[in-house]
PDB file of N, CA and C in Angstrom:
ATOM      1  N   HIS A   1     -11.268 -23.261  -4.610  1.00  0.00           N
ATOM      2  CA  HIS A   1     -11.790 -22.380  -3.603  1.00  0.00           C
ATOM      3  C   HIS A   1     -10.611 -21.731  -2.868  1.00  0.00           C
ATOM      4  N   ILE A   2     -10.571 -20.421  -2.874  1.00  0.00           N
ATOM      5  CA  ILE A   2      -9.519 -19.679  -2.183  1.00  0.00           C
ATOM      6  C   ILE A   2     -10.054 -19.290  -0.814  1.00  0.00           C
ATOM      7  N   ASP A   3      -9.326 -19.644   0.224  1.00  0.00           N
ATOM      8  CA  ASP A   3      -9.753 -19.405   1.589  1.00  0.00           C
ATOM      9  C   ASP A   3      -9.801 -17.911   1.927  1.00  0.00           C
ATOM     10  N   SER A   4      -8.837 -17.150   1.434  1.00  0.00           N
ATOM     11  CA  SER A   4      -8.747 -15.720   1.748  1.00  0.00           C
ATOM     12  C   SER A   4      -8.526 -14.926   0.457  1.00  0.00           C
ATOM     13  N   PRO A   5      -9.589 -14.644  -0.289  1.00  0.00           N
ATOM     14  CA  PRO A   5      -9.428 -13.998  -1.589  1.00  0.00           C
ATOM     15  C   PRO A   5      -8.851 -12.578  -1.503  1.00  0.00           C
ATOM     16  N   LEU A   6      -9.232 -11.807  -0.492  1.00  0.00           N
ATOM     17  CA  LEU A   6      -8.683 -10.452  -0.373  1.00  0.00           C
ATOM     18  C   LEU A   6      -7.181 -10.491  -0.154  1.00  0.00           C
ATOM     19  N   THR A   7      -6.729 -11.398   0.680  1.00  0.00           N
ATOM     20  CA  THR A   7      -5.293 -11.560   0.919  1.00  0.00           C
ATOM     21  C   THR A   7      -4.578 -11.896  -0.382  1.00  0.00           C
ATOM     22  N   ALA A   8      -5.127 -12.821  -1.130  1.00  0.00           N
ATOM     23  CA  ALA A   8      -4.517 -13.234  -2.396  1.00  0.00           C
ATOM     24  C   ALA A   8      -4.467 -12.073  -3.387  1.00  0.00           C
ATOM     25  N   VAL A   9      -5.555 -11.337  -3.512  1.00  0.00           N
ATOM     26  CA  VAL A   9      -5.612 -10.207  -4.455  1.00  0.00           C
ATOM     27  C   VAL A   9      -4.655  -9.102  -4.022  1.00  0.00           C
ATOM     28  N   PHE A  10      -4.593  -8.805  -2.738  1.00  0.00           N
ATOM     29  CA  PHE A  10      -3.704  -7.748  -2.242  1.00  0.00           C
ATOM     30  C   PHE A  10      -2.240  -8.096  -2.507  1.00  0.00           C
ATOM     31  N   ILE A  11      -1.852  -9.319  -2.195  1.00  0.00           N
ATOM     32  CA  ILE A  11      -0.463  -9.733  -2.392  1.00  0.00           C
ATOM     33  C   ILE A  11      -0.130  -9.833  -3.884  1.00  0.00           C
ATOM     34  N   LEU A  12      -1.039 -10.354  -4.681  1.00  0.00           N
ATOM     35  CA  LEU A  12      -0.818 -10.424  -6.128  1.00  0.00           C
ATOM     36  C   LEU A  12      -0.690  -9.020  -6.724  1.00  0.00           C
ATOM     37  N   SER A  13      -1.554  -8.107  -6.311  1.00  0.00           N
ATOM     38  CA  SER A  13      -1.497  -6.723  -6.815  1.00  0.00           C
ATOM     39  C   SER A  13      -0.174  -6.062  -6.457  1.00  0.00           C
ATOM     40  N   SER A  14       0.264  -6.234  -5.221  1.00  0.00           N
ATOM     41  CA  SER A  14       1.547  -5.662  -4.798  1.00  0.00           C
ATOM     42  C   SER A  14       2.702  -6.240  -5.603  1.00  0.00           C
ATOM     43  N   SER A  15       2.646  -7.535  -5.863  1.00  0.00           N
ATOM     44  CA  SER A  15       3.706  -8.190  -6.636  1.00  0.00           C
ATOM     45  C   SER A  15       3.721  -7.713  -8.082  1.00  0.00           C
ATOM     46  N   VAL A  16       2.546  -7.554  -8.681  1.00  0.00           N
ATOM     47  CA  VAL A  16       2.462  -7.064 -10.061  1.00  0.00           C
ATOM     48  C   VAL A  16       2.977  -5.632 -10.160  1.00  0.00           C
ATOM     49  N   VAL A  17       2.602  -4.791  -9.200  1.00  0.00           N
ATOM     50  CA  VAL A  17       3.097  -3.407  -9.200  1.00  0.00           C
ATOM     51  C   VAL A  17       4.620  -3.397  -9.100  1.00  0.00           C
ATOM     52  N   HIS A  18       5.166  -4.213  -8.218  1.00  0.00           N
ATOM     53  CA  HIS A  18       6.627  -4.220  -8.064  1.00  0.00           C
ATOM     54  C   HIS A  18       7.323  -4.798  -9.297  1.00  0.00           C
ATOM     55  N   ALA A  19       6.767  -5.842  -9.879  1.00  0.00           N
ATOM     56  CA  ALA A  19       7.360  -6.412 -11.092  1.00  0.00           C
ATOM     57  C   ALA A  19       7.307  -5.408 -12.241  1.00  0.00           C
ATOM     58  N   THR A  20       6.219  -4.664 -12.351  1.00  0.00           N
ATOM     59  CA  THR A  20       6.094  -3.648 -13.399  1.00  0.00           C
ATOM     60  C   THR A  20       7.118  -2.540 -13.213  1.00  0.00           C
ATOM     61  N   THR A  21       7.489  -2.272 -11.971  1.00  0.00           N
ATOM     62  CA  THR A  21       8.491  -1.247 -11.691  1.00  0.00           C
ATOM     63  C   THR A  21       9.842  -1.623 -12.281  1.00  0.00           C
ATOM     64  N   HIS A  22      10.112  -2.911 -12.432  1.00  0.00           N
ATOM     65  CA  HIS A  22      11.374  -3.320 -13.050  1.00  0.00           C
ATOM     66  C   HIS A  22      11.371  -3.085 -14.555  1.00  0.00           C
ATOM     67  N   ILE A  23      10.209  -3.025 -15.159  1.00  0.00           N
ATOM     68  CA  ILE A  23      10.104  -2.728 -16.585  1.00  0.00           C
ATOM     69  C   ILE A  23      10.090  -1.214 -16.799  1.00  0.00           C
ATOM     70  N   PHE A  24       9.306  -0.510 -15.981  1.00  0.00           N
ATOM     71  CA  PHE A  24       9.205   0.950 -16.021  1.00  0.00           C
ATOM     72  C   PHE A  24       9.675   1.477 -14.667  1.00  0.00           C
ATOM     73  N   PRO A  25      10.935   1.907 -14.553  1.00  0.00           N
ATOM     74  CA  PRO A  25      11.539   2.215 -13.254  1.00  0.00           C
ATOM     75  C   PRO A  25      10.795   3.240 -12.389  1.00  0.00           C
ATOM     76  N   THR A  26      10.095   4.179 -12.987  1.00  0.00           N
ATOM     77  CA  THR A  26       9.412   5.183 -12.160  1.00  0.00           C
ATOM     78  C   THR A  26       7.936   4.852 -11.925  1.00  0.00           C
ATOM     79  N   PHE A  27       7.487   3.687 -12.364  1.00  0.00           N
ATOM     80  CA  PHE A  27       6.081   3.310 -12.230  1.00  0.00           C
ATOM     81  C   PHE A  27       5.603   3.378 -10.783  1.00  0.00           C
ATOM     82  N   SER A  28       6.358   2.767  -9.885  1.00  0.00           N
ATOM     83  CA  SER A  28       5.952   2.723  -8.482  1.00  0.00           C
ATOM     84  C   SER A  28       5.960   4.111  -7.854  1.00  0.00           C
ATOM     85  N   THR A  29       6.982   4.893  -8.107  1.00  0.00           N
ATOM     86  CA  THR A  29       7.053   6.228  -7.498  1.00  0.00           C
ATOM     87  C   THR A  29       6.074   7.204  -8.141  1.00  0.00           C
ATOM     88  N   ASP A  30       5.713   6.991  -9.392  1.00  0.00           N
ATOM     89  CA  ASP A  30       4.765   7.887 -10.058  1.00  0.00           C
ATOM     90  C   ASP A  30       3.316   7.630  -9.659  1.00  0.00           C
ATOM     91  N   TYR A  31       2.956   6.374  -9.439  1.00  0.00           N
ATOM     92  CA  TYR A  31       1.557   6.033  -9.224  1.00  0.00           C
ATOM     93  C   TYR A  31       1.255   5.334  -7.899  1.00  0.00           C
ATOM     94  N   PHE A  32       2.284   4.861  -7.197  1.00  0.00           N
ATOM     95  CA  PHE A  32       2.058   4.087  -5.978  1.00  0.00           C
ATOM     96  C   PHE A  32       2.951   4.559  -4.838  1.00  0.00           C
ATOM     97  N   ALA A  33       3.129   5.866  -4.718  1.00  0.00           N
ATOM     98  CA  ALA A  33       3.918   6.438  -3.628  1.00  0.00           C
ATOM     99  C   ALA A  33       3.350   7.811  -3.275  1.00  0.00           C
ATOM    100  N   VAL A  34       3.394   8.136  -1.997  1.00  0.00           N
ATOM    101  CA  VAL A  34       2.882   9.430  -1.533  1.00  0.00           C
ATOM    102  C   VAL A  34       4.058  10.400  -1.434  1.00  0.00           C
ATOM    103  N   PRO A  35       4.018  11.479  -2.212  1.00  0.00           N
ATOM    104  CA  PRO A  35       5.084  12.478  -2.108  1.00  0.00           C
ATOM    105  C   PRO A  35       4.820  13.429  -0.942  1.00  0.00           C
ATOM    106  N   PRO A  36       5.771  14.294  -0.628  1.00  0.00           N
ATOM    107  CA  PRO A  36       5.532  15.303   0.409  1.00  0.00           C
ATOM    108  C   PRO A  36       4.394  16.244   0.009  1.00  0.00           C
ATOM    109  N   TRP A  37       3.873  16.954   0.983  1.00  0.00           N
ATOM    110  CA  TRP A  37       2.737  17.862   0.786  1.00  0.00           C
ATOM    111  C   TRP A  37       2.982  18.869  -0.341  1.00  0.00           C
ATOM    112  N   ALA A  38       4.198  19.326  -0.517  1.00  0.00           N
ATOM    113  CA  ALA A  38       4.510  20.333  -1.534  1.00  0.00           C
ATOM    114  C   ALA A  38       4.187  19.844  -2.946  1.00  0.00           C
ATOM    115  N   TYR A  39       4.150  18.533  -3.138  1.00  0.00           N
ATOM    116  CA  TYR A  39       3.896  17.968  -4.462  1.00  0.00           C
ATOM    117  C   TYR A  39       2.459  17.502  -4.646  1.00  0.00           C
ATOM    118  N   PHE A  40       1.629  17.631  -3.617  1.00  0.00           N
ATOM    119  CA  PHE A  40       0.233  17.216  -3.708  1.00  0.00           C
ATOM    120  C   PHE A  40      -0.552  18.292  -4.450  1.00  0.00           C
ATOM    121  N   ARG A  41      -1.326  17.890  -5.458  1.00  0.00           N
ATOM    122  CA  ARG A  41      -2.142  18.808  -6.254  1.00  0.00           C
ATOM    123  C   ARG A  41      -3.614  18.443  -6.067  1.00  0.00           C
ATOM    124  N   LEU A  42      -4.377  19.363  -5.526  1.00  0.00           N
ATOM    125  CA  LEU A  42      -5.793  19.112  -5.258  1.00  0.00           C
ATOM    126  C   LEU A  42      -6.573  18.757  -6.521  1.00  0.00           C
ATOM    127  N   ALA A  43      -6.210  19.343  -7.653  1.00  0.00           N
ATOM    128  CA  ALA A  43      -6.941  19.118  -8.898  1.00  0.00           C
ATOM    129  C   ALA A  43      -6.490  17.849  -9.633  1.00  0.00           C
ATOM    130  N   SER A  44      -5.436  17.216  -9.158  1.00  0.00           N
ATOM    131  CA  SER A  44      -4.910  16.044  -9.852  1.00  0.00           C
ATOM    132  C   SER A  44      -5.518  14.756  -9.306  1.00  0.00           C
ATOM    133  N   PRO A  45      -6.169  13.976 -10.169  1.00  0.00           N
ATOM    134  CA  PRO A  45      -6.696  12.682  -9.713  1.00  0.00           C
ATOM    135  C   PRO A  45      -5.589  11.739  -9.235  1.00  0.00           C
ATOM    136  N   TRP A  46      -4.386  11.859  -9.805  1.00  0.00           N
ATOM    137  CA  TRP A  46      -3.277  10.994  -9.400  1.00  0.00           C
ATOM    138  C   TRP A  46      -2.858  11.272  -7.964  1.00  0.00           C
ATOM    139  N   SER A  47      -2.937  12.527  -7.535  1.00  0.00           N
ATOM    140  CA  SER A  47      -2.612  12.839  -6.144  1.00  0.00           C
ATOM    141  C   SER A  47      -3.568  12.130  -5.195  1.00  0.00           C
ATOM    142  N   TRP A  48      -4.840  12.134  -5.538  1.00  0.00           N
ATOM    143  CA  TRP A  48      -5.841  11.467  -4.704  1.00  0.00           C
ATOM    144  C   TRP A  48      -5.673   9.955  -4.766  1.00  0.00           C
ATOM    145  N   TRP A  49      -5.365   9.415  -5.937  1.00  0.00           N
ATOM    146  CA  TRP A  49      -5.150   7.987  -6.113  1.00  0.00           C
ATOM    147  C   TRP A  49      -4.001   7.507  -5.223  1.00  0.00           C
ATOM    148  N   ARG A  50      -2.903   8.285  -5.178  1.00  0.00           N
ATOM    149  CA  ARG A  50      -1.732   7.894  -4.402  1.00  0.00           C
ATOM    150  C   ARG A  50      -1.998   7.817  -2.906  1.00  0.00           C
ATOM    151  N   LEU A  51      -3.028   8.536  -2.416  1.00  0.00           N
ATOM    152  CA  LEU A  51      -3.342   8.495  -0.988  1.00  0.00           C
ATOM    153  C   LEU A  51      -3.715   7.089  -0.522  1.00  0.00           C
ATOM    154  N   VAL A  52      -4.274   6.288  -1.417  1.00  0.00           N
ATOM    155  CA  VAL A  52      -4.646   4.918  -1.045  1.00  0.00           C
ATOM    156  C   VAL A  52      -3.811   3.856  -1.752  1.00  0.00           C
ATOM    157  N   SER A  53      -3.230   4.175  -2.889  1.00  0.00           N
ATOM    158  CA  SER A  53      -2.521   3.162  -3.671  1.00  0.00           C
ATOM    159  C   SER A  53      -1.096   2.908  -3.196  1.00  0.00           C
ATOM    160  N   HIS A  54      -0.568   3.774  -2.349  1.00  0.00           N
ATOM    161  CA  HIS A  54       0.827   3.621  -1.938  1.00  0.00           C
ATOM    162  C   HIS A  54       1.078   2.305  -1.201  1.00  0.00           C
ATOM    163  N   VAL A  55       0.027   1.688  -0.667  1.00  0.00           N
ATOM    164  CA  VAL A  55       0.215   0.417   0.036  1.00  0.00           C
ATOM    165  C   VAL A  55       0.559  -0.726  -0.924  1.00  0.00           C
ATOM    166  N   LEU A  56       0.384  -0.521  -2.217  1.00  0.00           N
ATOM    167  CA  LEU A  56       0.715  -1.550  -3.202  1.00  0.00           C
ATOM    168  C   LEU A  56       2.139  -1.423  -3.729  1.00  0.00           C
ATOM    169  N   GLY A  57       2.754  -0.271  -3.554  1.00  0.00           N
ATOM    170  CA  GLY A  57       4.118  -0.057  -4.026  1.00  0.00           C
ATOM    171  C   GLY A  57       5.131  -0.435  -2.960  1.00  0.00           C
ATOM    172  N   HIS A  58       6.289  -0.934  -3.382  1.00  0.00           N
ATOM    173  CA  HIS A  58       7.361  -1.298  -2.454  1.00  0.00           C
ATOM    174  C   HIS A  58       8.696  -0.878  -3.038  1.00  0.00           C
ATOM    175  N   SER A  59       9.629  -0.565  -2.168  1.00  0.00           N
ATOM    176  CA  SER A  59      10.908  -0.022  -2.622  1.00  0.00           C
ATOM    177  C   SER A  59      11.885  -1.089  -3.109  1.00  0.00           C
ATOM    178  N   SER A  60      11.722  -2.326  -2.670  1.00  0.00           N
ATOM    179  CA  SER A  60      12.637  -3.397  -3.075  1.00  0.00           C
ATOM    180  C   SER A  60      11.942  -4.745  -2.896  1.00  0.00           C
ATOM    181  N   TRP A  61      12.601  -5.784  -3.441  1.00  0.00           N
ATOM    182  CA  TRP A  61      12.040  -7.121  -3.276  1.00  0.00           C
ATOM    183  C   TRP A  61      12.052  -7.534  -1.811  1.00  0.00           C
ATOM    184  N   SER A  62      13.087  -7.132  -1.065  1.00  0.00           N
ATOM    185  CA  SER A  62      13.133  -7.508   0.354  1.00  0.00           C
ATOM    186  C   SER A  62      12.028  -6.800   1.141  1.00  0.00           C
ATOM    187  N   HIS A  63      11.720  -5.561   0.776  1.00  0.00           N
ATOM    188  CA  HIS A  63      10.620  -4.830   1.404  1.00  0.00           C
ATOM    189  C   HIS A  63       9.299  -5.549   1.129  1.00  0.00           C
ATOM    190  N   LEU A  64       9.070  -5.902  -0.123  1.00  0.00           N
ATOM    191  CA  LEU A  64       7.860  -6.633  -0.504  1.00  0.00           C
ATOM    192  C   LEU A  64       7.809  -7.994   0.187  1.00  0.00           C
ATOM    193  N   ASN A  65       8.924  -8.708   0.200  1.00  0.00           N
ATOM    194  CA  ASN A  65       8.988 -10.028   0.815  1.00  0.00           C
ATOM    195  C   ASN A  65       8.663  -9.972   2.308  1.00  0.00           C
ATOM    196  N   GLY A  66       9.185  -8.984   3.000  1.00  0.00           N
ATOM    197  CA  GLY A  66       8.893  -8.840   4.426  1.00  0.00           C
ATOM    198  C   GLY A  66       7.422  -8.587   4.683  1.00  0.00           C
ATOM    199  N   ASN A  67       6.829  -7.685   3.903  1.00  0.00           N
ATOM    200  CA  ASN A  67       5.408  -7.397   4.079  1.00  0.00           C
ATOM    201  C   ASN A  67       4.532  -8.580   3.697  1.00  0.00           C
ATOM    202  N   VAL A  68       4.861  -9.268   2.606  1.00  0.00           N
ATOM    203  CA  VAL A  68       4.079 -10.422   2.174  1.00  0.00           C
ATOM    204  C   VAL A  68       4.156 -11.535   3.222  1.00  0.00           C
ATOM    205  N   THR A  69       5.344 -11.780   3.746  1.00  0.00           N
ATOM    206  CA  THR A  69       5.499 -12.817   4.773  1.00  0.00           C
ATOM    207  C   THR A  69       4.613 -12.528   5.974  1.00  0.00           C
ATOM    208  N   ASN A  70       4.661 -11.308   6.467  1.00  0.00           N
ATOM    209  CA  ASN A  70       3.850 -10.948   7.630  1.00  0.00           C
ATOM    210  C   ASN A  70       2.356 -10.955   7.305  1.00  0.00           C
ATOM    211  N   LEU A  71       1.994 -10.497   6.115  1.00  0.00           N
ATOM    212  CA  LEU A  71       0.586 -10.524   5.730  1.00  0.00           C
ATOM    213  C   LEU A  71       0.064 -11.959   5.637  1.00  0.00           C
ATOM    214  N   LEU A  72       0.865 -12.860   5.094  1.00  0.00           N
ATOM    215  CA  LEU A  72       0.431 -14.253   4.992  1.00  0.00           C
ATOM    216  C   LEU A  72       0.269 -14.907   6.365  1.00  0.00           C
ATOM    217  N   LEU A  73       0.988 -14.398   7.355  1.00  0.00           N
ATOM    218  CA  LEU A  73       0.857 -14.948   8.703  1.00  0.00           C
ATOM    219  C   LEU A  73      -0.429 -14.503   9.398  1.00  0.00           C
ATOM    220  N   VAL A  74      -0.851 -13.263   9.167  1.00  0.00           N
ATOM    221  CA  VAL A  74      -1.973 -12.736   9.948  1.00  0.00           C
ATOM    222  C   VAL A  74      -3.227 -12.400   9.143  1.00  0.00           C
ATOM    223  N   MET A  75      -3.090 -11.999   7.896  1.00  0.00           N
ATOM    224  CA  MET A  75      -4.247 -11.497   7.153  1.00  0.00           C
ATOM    225  C   MET A  75      -5.312 -12.567   6.869  1.00  0.00           C
ATOM    226  N   PRO A  76      -4.951 -13.816   6.535  1.00  0.00           N
ATOM    227  CA  PRO A  76      -6.008 -14.803   6.317  1.00  0.00           C
ATOM    228  C   PRO A  76      -6.890 -15.022   7.557  1.00  0.00           C
ATOM    229  N   ALA A  77      -6.272 -15.067   8.731  1.00  0.00           N
ATOM    230  CA  ALA A  77      -7.058 -15.240   9.956  1.00  0.00           C
ATOM    231  C   ALA A  77      -7.962 -14.034  10.196  1.00  0.00           C
ATOM    232  N   CYS A  78      -7.439 -12.830   9.956  1.00  0.00           N
ATOM    233  CA  CYS A  78      -8.253 -11.619  10.102  1.00  0.00           C
ATOM    234  C   CYS A  78      -9.403 -11.619   9.098  1.00  0.00           C
ATOM    235  N   GLU A  79      -9.124 -12.066   7.886  1.00  0.00           N
ATOM    236  CA  GLU A  79     -10.157 -12.091   6.846  1.00  0.00           C
ATOM    237  C   GLU A  79     -11.263 -13.091   7.187  1.00  0.00           C
ATOM    238  N   ARG A  80     -10.883 -14.239   7.719  1.00  0.00           N
ATOM    239  CA  ARG A  80     -11.900 -15.216   8.128  1.00  0.00           C
ATOM    240  C   ARG A  80     -12.732 -14.696   9.298  1.00  0.00           C
ATOM    241  N   HIS A  81     -12.079 -14.023  10.235  1.00  0.00           N
ATOM    242  CA  HIS A  81     -12.779 -13.565  11.436  1.00  0.00           C
ATOM    243  C   HIS A  81     -13.650 -12.334  11.175  1.00  0.00           C
ATOM    244  N   PHE A  82     -13.081 -11.326  10.510  1.00  0.00           N
ATOM    245  CA  PHE A  82     -13.786 -10.052  10.329  1.00  0.00           C
ATOM    246  C   PHE A  82     -14.498  -9.925   8.996  1.00  0.00           C
ATOM    247  N   GLY A  83     -14.051 -10.652   7.985  1.00  0.00           N
ATOM    248  CA  GLY A  83     -14.629 -10.552   6.650  1.00  0.00           C
ATOM    249  C   GLY A  83     -13.829  -9.610   5.768  1.00  0.00           C
ATOM    250  N   ALA A  84     -13.916  -9.839   4.482  1.00  0.00           N
ATOM    251  CA  ALA A  84     -13.129  -9.062   3.517  1.00  0.00           C
ATOM    252  C   ALA A  84     -13.542  -7.600   3.491  1.00  0.00           C
ATOM    253  N   PHE A  85     -14.836  -7.318   3.591  1.00  0.00           N
ATOM    254  CA  PHE A  85     -15.292  -5.928   3.523  1.00  0.00           C
ATOM    255  C   PHE A  85     -14.729  -5.101   4.671  1.00  0.00           C
ATOM    256  N   GLU A  86     -14.696  -5.657   5.871  1.00  0.00           N
ATOM    257  CA  GLU A  86     -14.128  -4.937   7.018  1.00  0.00           C
ATOM    258  C   GLU A  86     -12.637  -4.691   6.822  1.00  0.00           C
ATOM    259  N   LEU A  87     -11.945  -5.668   6.260  1.00  0.00           N
ATOM    260  CA  LEU A  87     -10.514  -5.486   6.018  1.00  0.00           C
ATOM    261  C   LEU A  87     -10.251  -4.440   4.944  1.00  0.00           C
ATOM    262  N   VAL A  88     -11.087  -4.383   3.929  1.00  0.00           N
ATOM    263  CA  VAL A  88     -10.933  -3.339   2.910  1.00  0.00           C
ATOM    264  C   VAL A  88     -11.077  -1.964   3.557  1.00  0.00           C
ATOM    265  N   LYS A  89     -12.048  -1.821   4.442  1.00  0.00           N
ATOM    266  CA  LYS A  89     -12.213  -0.544   5.147  1.00  0.00           C
ATOM    267  C   LYS A  89     -10.971  -0.211   5.975  1.00  0.00           C
ATOM    268  N   ILE A  90     -10.425  -1.201   6.661  1.00  0.00           N
ATOM    269  CA  ILE A  90      -9.209  -0.980   7.451  1.00  0.00           C
ATOM    270  C   ILE A  90      -8.052  -0.564   6.551  1.00  0.00           C
ATOM    271  N   ILE A  91      -7.884  -1.250   5.431  1.00  0.00           N
ATOM    272  CA  ILE A  91      -6.788  -0.930   4.505  1.00  0.00           C
ATOM    273  C   ILE A  91      -6.922   0.498   3.989  1.00  0.00           C
ATOM    274  N   VAL A  92      -8.123   0.889   3.593  1.00  0.00           N
ATOM    275  CA  VAL A  92      -8.333   2.248   3.069  1.00  0.00           C
ATOM    276  C   VAL A  92      -8.064   3.286   4.154  1.00  0.00           C
ATOM    277  N   TRP A  93      -8.593   3.085   5.358  1.00  0.00           N
ATOM    278  CA  TRP A  93      -8.388   4.060   6.425  1.00  0.00           C
ATOM    279  C   TRP A  93      -6.920   4.155   6.841  1.00  0.00           C
ATOM    280  N   VAL A  94      -6.246   3.025   6.913  1.00  0.00           N
ATOM    281  CA  VAL A  94      -4.819   3.040   7.264  1.00  0.00           C
ATOM    282  C   VAL A  94      -4.014   3.748   6.189  1.00  0.00           C
ATOM    283  N   SER A  95      -4.319   3.472   4.935  1.00  0.00           N
ATOM    284  CA  SER A  95      -3.563   4.131   3.858  1.00  0.00           C
ATOM    285  C   SER A  95      -3.811   5.636   3.849  1.00  0.00           C
ATOM    286  N   LEU A  96      -5.049   6.053   4.070  1.00  0.00           N
ATOM    287  CA  LEU A  96      -5.340   7.491   4.121  1.00  0.00           C
ATOM    288  C   LEU A  96      -4.658   8.160   5.311  1.00  0.00           C
ATOM    289  N   ALA A  97      -4.760   7.547   6.476  1.00  0.00           N
ATOM    290  CA  ALA A  97      -4.169   8.136   7.682  1.00  0.00           C
ATOM    291  C   ALA A  97      -2.652   8.217   7.574  1.00  0.00           C
ATOM    292  N   SER A  98      -2.022   7.173   7.074  1.00  0.00           N
ATOM    293  CA  SER A  98      -0.563   7.209   6.958  1.00  0.00           C
ATOM    294  C   SER A  98      -0.110   8.181   5.874  1.00  0.00           C
ATOM    295  N   SER A  99      -0.904   8.339   4.813  1.00  0.00           N
ATOM    296  CA  SER A  99      -0.575   9.317   3.768  1.00  0.00           C
ATOM    297  C   SER A  99      -0.609  10.735   4.314  1.00  0.00           C
ATOM    298  N   VAL A 100      -1.676  11.052   5.014  1.00  0.00           N
ATOM    299  CA  VAL A 100      -1.815  12.401   5.579  1.00  0.00           C
ATOM    300  C   VAL A 100      -0.719  12.645   6.614  1.00  0.00           C
ATOM    301  N   ALA A 101      -0.428  11.652   7.446  1.00  0.00           N
ATOM    302  CA  ALA A 101       0.639  11.800   8.437  1.00  0.00           C
ATOM    303  C   ALA A 101       1.985  12.015   7.762  1.00  0.00           C
ATOM    304  N   HIS A 102       2.240  11.274   6.693  1.00  0.00           N
ATOM    305  CA  HIS A 102       3.506  11.451   5.968  1.00  0.00           C
ATOM    306  C   HIS A 102       3.603  12.850   5.367  1.00  0.00           C
ATOM    307  N   MET A 103       2.514  13.307   4.745  1.00  0.00           N
ATOM    308  CA  MET A 103       2.554  14.630   4.118  1.00  0.00           C
ATOM    309  C   MET A 103       2.698  15.731   5.165  1.00  0.00           C
ATOM    310  N   ALA A 104       2.089  15.559   6.317  1.00  0.00           N
ATOM    311  CA  ALA A 104       2.133  16.591   7.352  1.00  0.00           C
ATOM    312  C   ALA A 104       3.419  16.549   8.165  1.00  0.00           C
ATOM    313  N   LEU A 105       3.928  15.364   8.444  1.00  0.00           N
ATOM    314  CA  LEU A 105       5.038  15.238   9.384  1.00  0.00           C
ATOM    315  C   LEU A 105       6.335  14.696   8.787  1.00  0.00           C
ATOM    316  N   GLY A 106       6.259  14.125   7.607  1.00  0.00           N
ATOM    317  CA  GLY A 106       7.437  13.496   7.011  1.00  0.00           C
ATOM    318  C   GLY A 106       8.414  14.502   6.443  1.00  0.00           C
ATOM    319  N   PRO A 107       9.613  14.041   6.150  1.00  0.00           N
ATOM    320  CA  PRO A 107      10.610  14.918   5.554  1.00  0.00           C
ATOM    321  C   PRO A 107      10.171  15.423   4.180  1.00  0.00           C
ATOM    322  N   GLY A 108      10.616  16.591   3.811  1.00  0.00           N
ATOM    323  CA  GLY A 108      10.218  17.217   2.556  1.00  0.00           C
ATOM    324  C   GLY A 108      10.815  16.591   1.316  1.00  0.00           C
ATOM    325  N   ASP A 109      11.744  15.659   1.489  1.00  0.00           N
ATOM    326  CA  ASP A 109      12.395  15.056   0.330  1.00  0.00           C
ATOM    327  C   ASP A 109      12.195  13.531   0.270  1.00  0.00           C
ATOM    328  N   ALA A 110      11.185  13.020   0.963  1.00  0.00           N
ATOM    329  CA  ALA A 110      10.971  11.573   1.014  1.00  0.00           C
ATOM    330  C   ALA A 110       9.578  11.212   0.509  1.00  0.00           C
ATOM    331  N   ILE A 111       9.488  10.027  -0.091  1.00  0.00           N
ATOM    332  CA  ILE A 111       8.188   9.493  -0.487  1.00  0.00           C
ATOM    333  C   ILE A 111       7.834   8.345   0.447  1.00  0.00           C
ATOM    334  N   GLN A 112       6.568   8.013   0.495  1.00  0.00           N
ATOM    335  CA  GLN A 112       6.119   6.885   1.307  1.00  0.00           C
ATOM    336  C   GLN A 112       5.489   5.849   0.403  1.00  0.00           C
ATOM    337  N   LEU A 113       5.893   4.609   0.572  1.00  0.00           N
ATOM    338  CA  LEU A 113       5.259   3.516  -0.136  1.00  0.00           C
ATOM    339  C   LEU A 113       5.450   2.238   0.660  1.00  0.00           C
ATOM    340  N   GLY A 114       4.561   1.297   0.451  1.00  0.00           N
ATOM    341  CA  GLY A 114       4.646   0.019   1.136  1.00  0.00           C
ATOM    342  C   GLY A 114       3.429  -0.267   1.994  1.00  0.00           C
ATOM    343  N   ALA A 115       3.296  -1.531   2.353  1.00  0.00           N
ATOM    344  CA  ALA A 115       2.131  -1.998   3.102  1.00  0.00           C
ATOM    345  C   ALA A 115       2.447  -2.253   4.570  1.00  0.00           C
ATOM    346  N   SER A 116       3.494  -1.649   5.090  1.00  0.00           N
ATOM    347  CA  SER A 116       3.852  -1.886   6.489  1.00  0.00           C
ATOM    348  C   SER A 116       2.744  -1.451   7.438  1.00  0.00           C
ATOM    349  N   GLY A 117       2.085  -0.356   7.150  1.00  0.00           N
ATOM    350  CA  GLY A 117       0.970   0.082   7.983  1.00  0.00           C
ATOM    351  C   GLY A 117      -0.166  -0.913   7.966  1.00  0.00           C
ATOM    352  N   VAL A 118      -0.429  -1.491   6.808  1.00  0.00           N
ATOM    353  CA  VAL A 118      -1.473  -2.512   6.700  1.00  0.00           C
ATOM    354  C   VAL A 118      -1.070  -3.759   7.493  1.00  0.00           C
ATOM    355  N   VAL A 119       0.195  -4.127   7.413  1.00  0.00           N
ATOM    356  CA  VAL A 119       0.685  -5.282   8.168  1.00  0.00           C
ATOM    357  C   VAL A 119       0.441  -5.069   9.658  1.00  0.00           C
ATOM    358  N   PHE A 120       0.801  -3.907  10.169  1.00  0.00           N
ATOM    359  CA  PHE A 120       0.657  -3.665  11.591  1.00  0.00           C
ATOM    360  C   PHE A 120      -0.804  -3.490  11.999  1.00  0.00           C
ATOM    361  N   SER A 121      -1.647  -3.061  11.078  1.00  0.00           N
ATOM    362  CA  SER A 121      -3.064  -2.924  11.417  1.00  0.00           C
ATOM    363  C   SER A 121      -3.764  -4.274  11.517  1.00  0.00           C
ATOM    364  N   MET A 122      -3.196  -5.273  10.860  1.00  0.00           N
ATOM    365  CA  MET A 122      -3.787  -6.608  10.926  1.00  0.00           C
ATOM    366  C   MET A 122      -3.455  -7.248  12.264  1.00  0.00           C
TER     367      MET A 122
END
C-alpha cells in the first residue's frame, strides 16, 4: 500500500524523464521544456503538451534532487489532506500559469523546465 501514490508517480516520472535525457540529450528540451513565445506553434500538439509537461523535465541531477527533496517533505501531507485529484488540478494550473508567464515575460533565449512551481504551490 502506497501512502501517497500521486507523489510517487510524479517523482518517478520526473526521474525517468531525466534519466532518459542522458540517453537522448535533447529529450528533455524537446518534449519537457517550454520555449519562448516565438517558438510556440498553435497547430503543434507538442507545443500544447509542453505547457503542462515541463514540470517533469529538469536541467540537472541537482535540480531534480532539490525538487524531489522538497516534494517529499510536503506533497504527501498535501495529498493526504486535499486528495490526489485536487493536487492534479493544482499541478496542471501551476504548470499552465508558469508556462504562459514564461512565454510572455521570460527572456527570448531561455527555456523553462522543472517542478519548482509545483514545489512552491504545495
